[in-house]
Amino acid sequence: MKWGGSMHTYKLTLCYDGGRYSGWQRQGNTDNTIQARVEAALGRALGTETEAAGSGRTDAGVHARAQQCSFHTEHTLDCAAALEALREALPEDIGALKLEETAPRFHARLSCREKTYVYRVWNSTAPNVFERRYMYRFTPQLDVTAMRRAAAALCGEHDFTAFCANRHMKKSAVRRMKSIDVERRGDEVRIAMTGDGFLYNMARIIAGTLLEVGTHRRPAEDMETILASRERGNAGFTAPAQGLTLWEVNY
């Protein structure tokens, strides 16, 4: 590691089991967040206090397969050596996958074009002991065809206020949903959502609403009405956090 004299920007790719953390974002009343643990590890690895910006704020209990974060430092890093130091400094449920220098103006959140979240459902009465922390066990049999019809209505640019848990949000709730794919893999049903941004609890509310469609508690045609209403109470339940994983971030 060399002292460079000017600021360098680095992109760090992380994976984590979010089960025991209070989400990504640093909080004033606890250091039990992913961001706080990553920044502490960066401080130990680099020898200086470092702030990390994440591509998105995963909620408490939500996992990440490829979270992206960016940070600035005056050090010119040997990325391979710094990555190993980070791996040593991080707890075993947070993994540093890749570290690379990037463009000076790169920002993990502001530069992001789209993200993919995957919601995993274990759709069986038989337990799945070894993956129970990463799936939501939902025993009623799901009609995947109906779920796909409902998901199609959410694709495109819409106001997703009805799928947001923050009732006091003042910023625009318009987001562009590129695709929602519903796939059955044996007893597992996966809901993969790709869009340019997600509101608070949006992915989990979409998943919960699609599960209600899949059990015929509501018709697939309800989706357009729910969107138009802009009322959270008209959408389905918020699916539990452990089934959701931030899967991919694209720039």
C-alpha atoms as a PDB file:
ATOM      1  CA  MET A   1       0.000   0.000   0.000  1.00  0.00           C
ATOM      2  CA  LYS A   2       1.394   3.378  -1.038  1.00  0.00           C
ATOM      3  CA  TRP A   3       0.528   6.913  -0.072  1.00  0.00           C
ATOM      4  CA  GLY A   4      -0.622   8.432  -3.339  1.00  0.00           C
ATOM      5  CA  GLY A   5      -1.318  12.076  -2.484  1.00  0.00           C
ATOM      6  CA  SER A   6      -4.596  12.182  -4.436  1.00  0.00           C
ATOM      7  CA  MET A   7      -7.863  10.358  -3.892  1.00  0.00           C
ATOM      8  CA  HIS A   8      -8.457   6.939  -5.427  1.00  0.00           C
ATOM      9  CA  THR A   9     -11.858   5.264  -5.800  1.00  0.00           C
ATOM     10  CA  TYR A  10     -12.317   1.531  -5.263  1.00  0.00           C
ATOM     11  CA  LYS A  11     -15.224  -0.836  -5.838  1.00  0.00           C
ATOM     12  CA  LEU A  12     -15.673  -3.709  -3.396  1.00  0.00           C
ATOM     13  CA  THR A  13     -17.949  -6.670  -4.142  1.00  0.00           C
ATOM     14  CA  LEU A  14     -19.449  -8.315  -1.061  1.00  0.00           C
ATOM     15  CA  CYS A  15     -21.650 -11.253  -0.203  1.00  0.00           C
ATOM     16  CA  TYR A  16     -23.316 -11.688   3.174  1.00  0.00           C
ATOM     17  CA  ASP A  17     -25.775 -13.603   5.278  1.00  0.00           C
ATOM     18  CA  GLY A  18     -27.961 -10.793   6.617  1.00  0.00           C
ATOM     19  CA  GLY A  19     -29.706 -12.953   9.203  1.00  0.00           C
ATOM     20  CA  ARG A  20     -28.127 -11.453  12.313  1.00  0.00           C
ATOM     21  CA  TYR A  21     -27.724  -7.874  11.114  1.00  0.00           C
ATOM     22  CA  SER A  22     -29.965  -4.804  11.271  1.00  0.00           C
ATOM     23  CA  GLY A  23     -29.664  -4.196   7.533  1.00  0.00           C
ATOM     24  CA  TRP A  24     -26.960  -2.530   5.443  1.00  0.00           C
ATOM     25  CA  GLN A  25     -27.196   1.075   6.592  1.00  0.00           C
ATOM     26  CA  ARG A  26     -25.152   2.413   9.484  1.00  0.00           C
ATOM     27  CA  GLN A  27     -27.372   3.371  12.451  1.00  0.00           C
ATOM     28  CA  GLY A  28     -26.789   5.618  15.424  1.00  0.00           C
ATOM     29  CA  ASN A  29     -28.078   3.190  18.053  1.00  0.00           C
ATOM     30  CA  THR A  30     -26.217   0.043  16.974  1.00  0.00           C
ATOM     31  CA  ASP A  31     -23.060  -1.058  15.181  1.00  0.00           C
ATOM     32  CA  ASN A  32     -24.736  -4.326  14.168  1.00  0.00           C
ATOM     33  CA  THR A  33     -25.127  -3.367  10.516  1.00  0.00           C
ATOM     34  CA  ILE A  34     -23.310  -4.567   7.410  1.00  0.00           C
ATOM     35  CA  GLN A  35     -22.044  -1.069   6.606  1.00  0.00           C
ATOM     36  CA  ALA A  36     -20.626  -0.595  10.113  1.00  0.00           C
ATOM     37  CA  ARG A  37     -18.815  -3.948   9.992  1.00  0.00           C
ATOM     38  CA  VAL A  38     -17.426  -3.274   6.503  1.00  0.00           C
ATOM     39  CA  GLU A  39     -16.211   0.201   7.452  1.00  0.00           C
ATOM     40  CA  ALA A  40     -14.566  -1.164  10.601  1.00  0.00           C
ATOM     41  CA  ALA A  41     -12.800  -3.828   8.512  1.00  0.00           C
ATOM     42  CA  LEU A  42     -11.677  -1.218   5.971  1.00  0.00           C
ATOM     43  CA  GLY A  43     -10.302   0.901   8.814  1.00  0.00           C
ATOM     44  CA  ARG A  44      -8.250  -2.009  10.127  1.00  0.00           C
ATOM     45  CA  ALA A  45      -7.066  -3.069   6.660  1.00  0.00           C
ATOM     46  CA  LEU A  46      -6.161   0.444   5.456  1.00  0.00           C
ATOM     47  CA  GLY A  47      -5.100   1.966   8.750  1.00  0.00           C
ATOM     48  CA  THR A  48      -7.446   4.929   8.382  1.00  0.00           C
ATOM     49  CA  GLU A  49     -11.148   5.635   8.909  1.00  0.00           C
ATOM     50  CA  THR A  50     -12.998   4.888   5.654  1.00  0.00           C
ATOM     51  CA  GLU A  51     -16.629   5.422   4.640  1.00  0.00           C
ATOM     52  CA  ALA A  52     -18.239   2.883   2.298  1.00  0.00           C
ATOM     53  CA  ALA A  53     -21.259   3.643   0.097  1.00  0.00           C
ATOM     54  CA  GLY A  54     -23.462   0.655  -0.786  1.00  0.00           C
ATOM     55  CA  SER A  55     -25.422   0.156  -3.990  1.00  0.00           C
ATOM     56  CA  GLY A  56     -28.593  -0.235  -1.923  1.00  0.00           C
ATOM     57  CA  ARG A  57     -29.865  -0.490   1.636  1.00  0.00           C
ATOM     58  CA  THR A  58     -30.798  -4.108   2.176  1.00  0.00           C
ATOM     59  CA  ASP A  59     -33.253  -4.480   5.068  1.00  0.00           C
ATOM     60  CA  ALA A  60     -32.643  -6.343   8.310  1.00  0.00           C
ATOM     61  CA  GLY A  61     -32.373 -10.066   7.608  1.00  0.00           C
ATOM     62  CA  VAL A  62     -31.931  -9.679   3.828  1.00  0.00           C
ATOM     63  CA  HIS A  63     -28.920 -11.339   2.185  1.00  0.00           C
ATOM     64  CA  ALA A  64     -26.606 -10.334  -0.662  1.00  0.00           C
ATOM     65  CA  ARG A  65     -24.874 -12.441  -3.272  1.00  0.00           C
ATOM     66  CA  ALA A  66     -23.111  -9.477  -4.925  1.00  0.00           C
ATOM     67  CA  GLN A  67     -23.567  -6.205  -3.046  1.00  0.00           C
ATOM     68  CA  GLN A  68     -21.377  -3.435  -4.439  1.00  0.00           C
ATOM     69  CA  CYS A  69     -19.853  -0.665  -2.393  1.00  0.00           C
ATOM     70  CA  SER A  70     -17.407   2.129  -3.165  1.00  0.00           C
ATOM     71  CA  PHE A  71     -14.934   4.037  -1.055  1.00  0.00           C
ATOM     72  CA  HIS A  72     -12.255   6.710  -1.463  1.00  0.00           C
ATOM     73  CA  THR A  73      -8.745   6.685  -0.071  1.00  0.00           C
ATOM     74  CA  GLU A  74      -5.475   8.542  -0.569  1.00  0.00           C
ATOM     75  CA  HIS A  75      -3.688   5.188  -0.510  1.00  0.00           C
ATOM     76  CA  THR A  76      -2.713   3.459  -3.747  1.00  0.00           C
ATOM     77  CA  LEU A  77      -3.771  -0.072  -2.896  1.00  0.00           C
ATOM     78  CA  ASP A  78      -2.367  -3.391  -3.909  1.00  0.00           C
ATOM     79  CA  CYS A  79      -5.861  -4.774  -4.489  1.00  0.00           C
ATOM     80  CA  ALA A  80      -4.926  -8.422  -3.973  1.00  0.00           C
ATOM     81  CA  ALA A  81      -3.188  -7.717  -0.658  1.00  0.00           C
ATOM     82  CA  ALA A  82      -5.923  -5.338   0.535  1.00  0.00           C
ATOM     83  CA  LEU A  83      -8.584  -7.912  -0.347  1.00  0.00           C
ATOM     84  CA  GLU A  84      -6.848 -10.554   1.770  1.00  0.00           C
ATOM     85  CA  ALA A  85      -6.558  -8.089   4.669  1.00  0.00           C
ATOM     86  CA  LEU A  86     -10.277  -7.332   4.382  1.00  0.00           C
ATOM     87  CA  ARG A  87     -11.151 -11.026   4.391  1.00  0.00           C
ATOM     88  CA  GLU A  88      -9.187 -11.444   7.608  1.00  0.00           C
ATOM     89  CA  ALA A  89     -10.880  -8.435   9.216  1.00  0.00           C
ATOM     90  CA  LEU A  90     -14.491  -9.257   8.286  1.00  0.00           C
ATOM     91  CA  PRO A  91     -16.723 -11.665  10.253  1.00  0.00           C
ATOM     92  CA  GLU A  92     -17.348 -15.052   8.674  1.00  0.00           C
ATOM     93  CA  ASP A  93     -20.865 -14.160   7.493  1.00  0.00           C
ATOM     94  CA  ILE A  94     -19.618 -11.216   5.392  1.00  0.00           C
ATOM     95  CA  GLY A  95     -17.377 -12.084   2.459  1.00  0.00           C
ATOM     96  CA  ALA A  96     -15.175  -9.790   0.380  1.00  0.00           C
ATOM     97  CA  LEU A  97     -15.253 -11.213  -3.158  1.00  0.00           C
ATOM     98  CA  LYS A  98     -13.459  -8.651  -5.316  1.00  0.00           C
ATOM     99  CA  LEU A  99     -11.645  -5.319  -4.972  1.00  0.00           C
ATOM    100  CA  GLU A 100     -10.757  -3.111  -7.925  1.00  0.00           C
ATOM    101  CA  GLU A 101      -9.831   0.503  -8.597  1.00  0.00           C
ATOM    102  CA  THR A 102     -12.455   2.311 -10.627  1.00  0.00           C
ATOM    103  CA  ALA A 103     -13.213   5.725 -12.152  1.00  0.00           C
ATOM    104  CA  PRO A 104     -12.777   8.644  -9.721  1.00  0.00           C
ATOM    105  CA  ARG A 105     -16.432   9.704  -9.943  1.00  0.00           C
ATOM    106  CA  PHE A 106     -17.840   6.187  -9.531  1.00  0.00           C
ATOM    107  CA  HIS A 107     -20.417   5.819  -6.738  1.00  0.00           C
ATOM    108  CA  ALA A 108     -21.913   2.405  -5.928  1.00  0.00           C
ATOM    109  CA  ARG A 109     -25.471   3.747  -5.583  1.00  0.00           C
ATOM    110  CA  LEU A 110     -25.576   6.800  -7.847  1.00  0.00           C
ATOM    111  CA  SER A 111     -23.827   5.054 -10.750  1.00  0.00           C
ATOM    112  CA  CYS A 112     -26.080   1.981 -10.595  1.00  0.00           C
ATOM    113  CA  ARG A 113     -28.263   1.273 -13.660  1.00  0.00           C
ATOM    114  CA  GLU A 114     -30.253  -1.680 -12.328  1.00  0.00           C
ATOM    115  CA  LYS A 115     -30.421  -4.284  -9.578  1.00  0.00           C
ATOM    116  CA  THR A 116     -31.768  -7.794  -9.390  1.00  0.00           C
ATOM    117  CA  TYR A 117     -33.357  -9.191  -6.244  1.00  0.00           C
ATOM    118  CA  VAL A 118     -34.312 -12.853  -5.990  1.00  0.00           C
ATOM    119  CA  TYR A 119     -36.998 -14.052  -3.580  1.00  0.00           C
ATOM    120  CA  ARG A 120     -36.747 -17.778  -2.848  1.00  0.00           C
ATOM    121  CA  VAL A 121     -39.751 -19.784  -1.643  1.00  0.00           C
ATOM    122  CA  TRP A 122     -39.647 -23.371  -0.377  1.00  0.00           C
ATOM    123  CA  ASN A 123     -43.032 -24.573  -1.594  1.00  0.00           C
ATOM    124  CA  SER A 124     -43.403 -27.878   0.219  1.00  0.00           C
ATOM    125  CA  THR A 125     -44.742 -29.352   3.447  1.00  0.00           C
ATOM    126  CA  ALA A 126     -41.397 -31.162   3.846  1.00  0.00           C
ATOM    127  CA  PRO A 127     -38.774 -29.069   5.658  1.00  0.00           C
ATOM    128  CA  ASN A 128     -35.611 -27.871   3.952  1.00  0.00           C
ATOM    129  CA  VAL A 129     -33.300 -27.869   6.950  1.00  0.00           C
ATOM    130  CA  PHE A 130     -30.088 -26.787   5.259  1.00  0.00           C
ATOM    131  CA  GLU A 131     -31.437 -23.781   3.329  1.00  0.00           C
ATOM    132  CA  ARG A 132     -34.132 -22.620   5.724  1.00  0.00           C
ATOM    133  CA  ARG A 133     -32.238 -19.408   6.498  1.00  0.00           C
ATOM    134  CA  TYR A 134     -32.266 -18.368   2.830  1.00  0.00           C
ATOM    135  CA  MET A 135     -35.818 -19.314   1.821  1.00  0.00           C
ATOM    136  CA  TYR A 136     -39.339 -18.638   3.015  1.00  0.00           C
ATOM    137  CA  ARG A 137     -41.191 -21.892   3.662  1.00  0.00           C
ATOM    138  CA  PHE A 138     -44.675 -21.466   2.199  1.00  0.00           C
ATOM    139  CA  THR A 139     -46.614 -24.717   2.124  1.00  0.00           C
ATOM    140  CA  PRO A 140     -49.772 -24.024  -0.014  1.00  0.00           C
ATOM    141  CA  GLN A 141     -49.124 -25.157  -3.579  1.00  0.00           C
ATOM    142  CA  LEU A 142     -48.449 -22.229  -5.876  1.00  0.00           C
ATOM    143  CA  ASP A 143     -49.940 -21.621  -9.303  1.00  0.00           C
ATOM    144  CA  VAL A 144     -46.823 -20.331 -11.037  1.00  0.00           C
ATOM    145  CA  THR A 145     -48.712 -19.563 -14.269  1.00  0.00           C
ATOM    146  CA  ALA A 146     -51.030 -17.156 -12.438  1.00  0.00           C
ATOM    147  CA  MET A 147     -48.049 -15.562 -10.692  1.00  0.00           C
ATOM    148  CA  ARG A 148     -46.383 -14.930 -14.047  1.00  0.00           C
ATOM    149  CA  ARG A 149     -49.495 -13.203 -15.399  1.00  0.00           C
ATOM    150  CA  ALA A 150     -49.638 -10.962 -12.358  1.00  0.00           C
ATOM    151  CA  ALA A 151     -45.910 -10.193 -12.526  1.00  0.00           C
ATOM    152  CA  ALA A 152     -46.190  -9.089 -16.151  1.00  0.00           C
ATOM    153  CA  ALA A 153     -48.524  -6.246 -15.126  1.00  0.00           C
ATOM    154  CA  LEU A 154     -45.780  -4.785 -12.911  1.00  0.00           C
ATOM    155  CA  CYS A 155     -43.184  -4.570 -15.670  1.00  0.00           C
ATOM    156  CA  GLY A 156     -42.480  -1.180 -17.176  1.00  0.00           C
ATOM    157  CA  GLU A 157     -42.464   2.261 -15.547  1.00  0.00           C
ATOM    158  CA  HIS A 158     -45.023   2.702 -12.767  1.00  0.00           C
ATOM    159  CA  ASP A 159     -45.686   4.518  -9.528  1.00  0.00           C
ATOM    160  CA  PHE A 160     -45.027   1.778  -6.952  1.00  0.00           C
ATOM    161  CA  THR A 161     -46.430   3.614  -3.906  1.00  0.00           C
ATOM    162  CA  ALA A 162     -48.795   0.671  -3.234  1.00  0.00           C
ATOM    163  CA  PHE A 163     -45.733  -1.569  -2.880  1.00  0.00           C
ATOM    164  CA  CYS A 164     -43.822   0.702  -0.489  1.00  0.00           C
ATOM    165  CA  ALA A 165     -43.846   0.364   3.314  1.00  0.00           C
ATOM    166  CA  ASN A 166     -42.817   4.002   3.874  1.00  0.00           C
ATOM    167  CA  ARG A 167     -46.117   5.869   4.056  1.00  0.00           C
ATOM    168  CA  HIS A 168     -44.404   9.224   4.578  1.00  0.00           C
ATOM    169  CA  MET A 169     -42.060   9.092   1.587  1.00  0.00           C
ATOM    170  CA  LYS A 170     -41.986  12.461  -0.173  1.00  0.00           C
ATOM    171  CA  LYS A 171     -39.757  11.545  -3.124  1.00  0.00           C
ATOM    172  CA  SER A 172     -41.043  10.078  -6.373  1.00  0.00           C
ATOM    173  CA  ALA A 173     -42.162   6.442  -6.184  1.00  0.00           C
ATOM    174  CA  VAL A 174     -41.865   5.958  -9.944  1.00  0.00           C
ATOM    175  CA  ARG A 175     -39.560   3.076 -10.828  1.00  0.00           C
ATOM    176  CA  ARG A 176     -38.896   1.076 -13.978  1.00  0.00           C
ATOM    177  CA  MET A 177     -39.269  -2.678 -13.555  1.00  0.00           C
ATOM    178  CA  LYS A 178     -37.367  -4.360 -16.376  1.00  0.00           C
ATOM    179  CA  SER A 179     -38.522  -7.904 -15.644  1.00  0.00           C
ATOM    180  CA  ILE A 180     -40.078 -10.194 -13.036  1.00  0.00           C
ATOM    181  CA  ASP A 181     -39.437 -13.873 -13.700  1.00  0.00           C
ATOM    182  CA  VAL A 182     -41.240 -16.578 -11.713  1.00  0.00           C
ATOM    183  CA  GLU A 183     -39.630 -19.990 -11.991  1.00  0.00           C
ATOM    184  CA  ARG A 184     -40.276 -23.338 -10.317  1.00  0.00           C
ATOM    185  CA  ARG A 185     -37.296 -25.580  -9.587  1.00  0.00           C
ATOM    186  CA  GLY A 186     -38.789 -28.685  -8.032  1.00  0.00           C
ATOM    187  CA  ASP A 187     -40.088 -27.590  -4.628  1.00  0.00           C
ATOM    188  CA  GLU A 188     -38.447 -24.175  -4.902  1.00  0.00           C
ATOM    189  CA  VAL A 189     -40.137 -21.174  -6.512  1.00  0.00           C
ATOM    190  CA  ARG A 190     -37.924 -18.207  -7.404  1.00  0.00           C
ATOM    191  CA  ILE A 191     -39.130 -14.685  -8.068  1.00  0.00           C
ATOM    192  CA  ALA A 192     -36.370 -12.675  -9.796  1.00  0.00           C
ATOM    193  CA  MET A 193     -37.028  -8.918  -9.987  1.00  0.00           C
ATOM    194  CA  THR A 194     -34.828  -6.579 -12.046  1.00  0.00           C
ATOM    195  CA  GLY A 195     -35.386  -2.827 -11.985  1.00  0.00           C
ATOM    196  CA  ASP A 196     -33.690   0.551 -11.851  1.00  0.00           C
ATOM    197  CA  GLY A 197     -34.493   0.953  -8.157  1.00  0.00           C
ATOM    198  CA  PHE A 198     -36.553  -0.446  -5.312  1.00  0.00           C
ATOM    199  CA  LEU A 199     -38.550   1.359  -2.624  1.00  0.00           C
ATOM    200  CA  TYR A 200     -38.563   0.396   1.051  1.00  0.00           C
ATOM    201  CA  ASN A 201     -39.768  -3.245   1.317  1.00  0.00           C
ATOM    202  CA  MET A 202     -40.886  -3.106  -2.337  1.00  0.00           C
ATOM    203  CA  ALA A 203     -39.357  -6.436  -3.387  1.00  0.00           C
ATOM    204  CA  ARG A 204     -40.816  -8.216  -0.356  1.00  0.00           C
ATOM    205  CA  ILE A 205     -44.302  -6.721  -0.855  1.00  0.00           C
ATOM    206  CA  ILE A 206     -44.266  -7.719  -4.527  1.00  0.00           C
ATOM    207  CA  ALA A 207     -43.245 -11.245  -3.494  1.00  0.00           C
ATOM    208  CA  GLY A 208     -46.005 -11.427  -0.871  1.00  0.00           C
ATOM    209  CA  THR A 209     -48.622 -10.191  -3.341  1.00  0.00           C
ATOM    210  CA  LEU A 210     -47.523 -12.729  -5.952  1.00  0.00           C
ATOM    211  CA  LEU A 211     -47.769 -15.496  -3.352  1.00  0.00           C
ATOM    212  CA  GLU A 212     -51.387 -14.468  -2.707  1.00  0.00           C
ATOM    213  CA  VAL A 213     -52.027 -14.677  -6.455  1.00  0.00           C
ATOM    214  CA  GLY A 214     -50.333 -18.071  -6.520  1.00  0.00           C
ATOM    215  CA  THR A 215     -52.763 -19.429  -3.905  1.00  0.00           C
ATOM    216  CA  HIS A 216     -55.761 -17.808  -5.674  1.00  0.00           C
ATOM    217  CA  ARG A 217     -56.442 -15.482  -2.735  1.00  0.00           C
ATOM    218  CA  ARG A 218     -56.552 -12.705  -5.315  1.00  0.00           C
ATOM    219  CA  PRO A 219     -56.771 -12.763  -9.135  1.00  0.00           C
ATOM    220  CA  ALA A 220     -53.757 -11.987 -11.291  1.00  0.00           C
ATOM    221  CA  GLU A 221     -55.732  -9.105 -12.818  1.00  0.00           C
ATOM    222  CA  ASP A 222     -55.658  -7.261  -9.460  1.00  0.00           C
ATOM    223  CA  MET A 223     -52.170  -5.927 -10.097  1.00  0.00           C
ATOM    224  CA  GLU A 224     -53.157  -3.028 -12.342  1.00  0.00           C
ATOM    225  CA  THR A 225     -55.817  -1.955  -9.835  1.00  0.00           C
ATOM    226  CA  ILE A 226     -53.326  -2.128  -6.964  1.00  0.00           C
ATOM    227  CA  LEU A 227     -50.810   0.012  -8.857  1.00  0.00           C
ATOM    228  CA  ALA A 228     -53.427   2.612  -9.768  1.00  0.00           C
ATOM    229  CA  SER A 229     -54.702   2.844  -6.171  1.00  0.00           C
ATOM    230  CA  ARG A 230     -51.294   3.908  -4.749  1.00  0.00           C
ATOM    231  CA  GLU A 231     -52.512   2.458  -1.436  1.00  0.00           C
ATOM    232  CA  ARG A 232     -50.254   0.088   0.484  1.00  0.00           C
ATOM    233  CA  GLY A 233     -53.265  -1.616   2.041  1.00  0.00           C
ATOM    234  CA  ASN A 234     -54.431  -2.877  -1.344  1.00  0.00           C
ATOM    235  CA  ALA A 235     -51.265  -4.914  -1.985  1.00  0.00           C
ATOM    236  CA  GLY A 236     -50.379  -8.216  -0.336  1.00  0.00           C
ATOM    237  CA  PHE A 237     -48.402  -9.066   2.771  1.00  0.00           C
ATOM    238  CA  THR A 238     -44.698  -8.296   3.203  1.00  0.00           C
ATOM    239  CA  ALA A 239     -42.890 -11.587   2.634  1.00  0.00           C
ATOM    240  CA  PRO A 240     -40.314 -12.412   5.347  1.00  0.00           C
ATOM    241  CA  ALA A 241     -36.805 -11.029   4.970  1.00  0.00           C
ATOM    242  CA  GLN A 242     -34.885 -14.308   4.946  1.00  0.00           C
ATOM    243  CA  GLY A 243     -36.188 -15.275   1.493  1.00  0.00           C
ATOM    244  CA  LEU A 244     -34.738 -12.184  -0.208  1.00  0.00           C
ATOM    245  CA  THR A 245     -31.247 -11.854  -1.681  1.00  0.00           C
ATOM    246  CA  LEU A 246     -29.672  -8.940  -3.548  1.00  0.00           C
ATOM    247  CA  TRP A 247     -28.494 -10.999  -6.505  1.00  0.00           C
ATOM    248  CA  GLU A 248     -26.787  -8.649  -8.946  1.00  0.00           C
ATOM    249  CA  VAL A 249     -25.972  -4.965  -9.476  1.00  0.00           C
ATOM    250  CA  ASN A 250     -25.279  -3.603 -12.962  1.00  0.00           C
ATOM    251  CA  TYR A 251     -23.520  -0.397 -14.025  1.00  0.00           C
END
